[in-house]
Amino acid sequence: MTHLHDAASDAPMSSEVPVVDARGLSCPMPVIELAKAVEALDVGGRVVLLATDPAARVDVPVWCRMQRQRLVEQQHDGAALTFEVERVR
């Protein structure tokens, strides 16, 4: 079973793909929470990051390139940014 992590409250939940809810957190916290979640994955595993900090739009893709992880998808629904990241190494 995979655990979801609410970065604001540290409350565990469950699902197939872990979701890091970093909405309301300011830079650099969304990327720090993403890094912790990716580190906990097996290679090939994926995590979803939710963020409202506009800097995440730049920070997450840059972090993925620097850490050689794969940014699978990036979306913005008007309320939050959503990133799906795959652990490559």
Protein backbone atom coordinates (compact mmCIF):
# COMPACT_ATOMS: atom_id res chain seq x y z
CA MET A 1 0.00 0.00 0.00
CA THR A 2 1.31 3.45 -0.93
CA HIS A 3 0.82 6.37 1.41
CA LEU A 4 -0.26 9.89 0.58
CA HIS A 5 1.40 12.66 2.52
CA ASP A 6 -0.28 15.94 3.36
CA ALA A 7 2.76 18.22 3.73
CA ALA A 8 0.81 20.76 5.79
CA SER A 9 -0.47 18.32 8.42
CA ASP A 10 1.69 15.18 8.08
CA ALA A 11 -1.55 13.18 7.89
CA PRO A 12 -1.10 9.85 6.05
CA MET A 13 -3.74 8.65 3.58
CA SER A 14 -3.67 5.80 1.01
CA SER A 15 -3.81 5.39 -2.77
CA GLU A 16 -1.93 3.76 -5.64
CA VAL A 17 0.13 6.86 -6.55
CA PRO A 18 1.37 8.96 -3.64
CA VAL A 19 0.21 12.57 -3.62
CA VAL A 20 2.16 15.31 -1.88
CA ASP A 21 -0.22 18.15 -1.03
CA ALA A 22 1.99 21.23 -0.86
CA ARG A 23 -0.82 23.68 -1.53
CA GLY A 24 -0.35 26.78 0.57
CA LEU A 25 3.38 26.16 1.06
CA SER A 26 5.90 28.70 -0.24
CA CYS A 27 9.17 28.13 -2.05
CA PRO A 28 11.25 26.07 -1.45
CA MET A 29 8.89 23.77 0.50
CA PRO A 30 6.99 22.20 -2.45
CA VAL A 31 10.29 21.02 -3.99
CA ILE A 32 11.62 19.85 -0.62
CA GLU A 33 8.46 17.79 -0.04
CA LEU A 34 8.69 16.43 -3.61
CA ALA A 35 12.31 15.40 -3.06
CA LYS A 36 11.40 13.50 0.11
CA ALA A 37 8.58 11.68 -1.68
CA VAL A 38 10.72 10.76 -4.71
CA GLU A 39 13.47 9.45 -2.44
CA ALA A 40 10.96 7.09 -0.82
CA LEU A 41 9.93 5.62 -4.21
CA ASP A 42 11.40 2.63 -5.99
CA VAL A 43 12.89 3.38 -9.42
CA GLY A 44 9.96 3.59 -11.84
CA GLY A 45 7.59 4.78 -9.12
CA ARG A 46 5.62 7.98 -9.54
CA VAL A 47 4.41 10.74 -7.25
CA VAL A 48 1.96 13.59 -7.77
CA LEU A 49 2.70 17.03 -6.32
CA LEU A 50 -0.04 19.62 -5.76
CA ALA A 51 1.21 23.19 -5.29
CA THR A 52 -0.18 26.70 -5.31
CA ASP A 53 3.15 28.55 -5.16
CA PRO A 54 3.66 30.07 -8.64
CA ALA A 55 7.42 29.45 -8.33
CA ALA A 56 6.74 25.69 -8.49
CA ARG A 57 5.96 26.10 -12.20
CA VAL A 58 9.68 26.76 -12.74
CA ASP A 59 11.19 25.06 -9.67
CA VAL A 60 9.76 21.57 -10.20
CA PRO A 61 10.91 21.13 -13.83
CA VAL A 62 14.35 22.52 -12.93
CA TRP A 63 14.60 20.18 -9.92
CA CYS A 64 13.65 17.22 -12.14
CA ARG A 65 16.36 18.11 -14.67
CA MET A 66 19.00 18.68 -11.99
CA GLN A 67 18.13 15.44 -10.17
CA ARG A 68 17.67 13.50 -13.43
CA GLN A 69 14.11 12.54 -12.61
CA ARG A 70 11.31 12.48 -15.20
CA LEU A 71 8.57 15.12 -15.21
CA VAL A 72 5.75 13.06 -16.69
CA GLU A 73 3.04 15.71 -16.65
CA GLN A 74 2.42 19.28 -15.53
CA GLN A 75 -1.05 20.86 -15.34
CA HIS A 76 -2.67 23.99 -13.95
CA ASP A 77 -6.39 23.93 -13.23
CA GLY A 78 -6.63 27.54 -12.07
CA ALA A 79 -6.56 26.60 -8.39
CA ALA A 80 -3.39 24.53 -8.19
CA LEU A 81 -0.44 23.25 -10.17
CA THR A 82 -0.21 19.48 -10.52
CA PHE A 83 3.02 17.66 -11.36
CA GLU A 84 3.56 13.95 -11.89
CA VAL A 85 7.17 12.87 -11.41
CA GLU A 86 8.73 9.47 -12.05
CA ARG A 87 11.80 8.30 -10.17
CA VAL A 88 14.39 7.38 -12.80
CA ARG A 89 17.44 6.70 -10.62
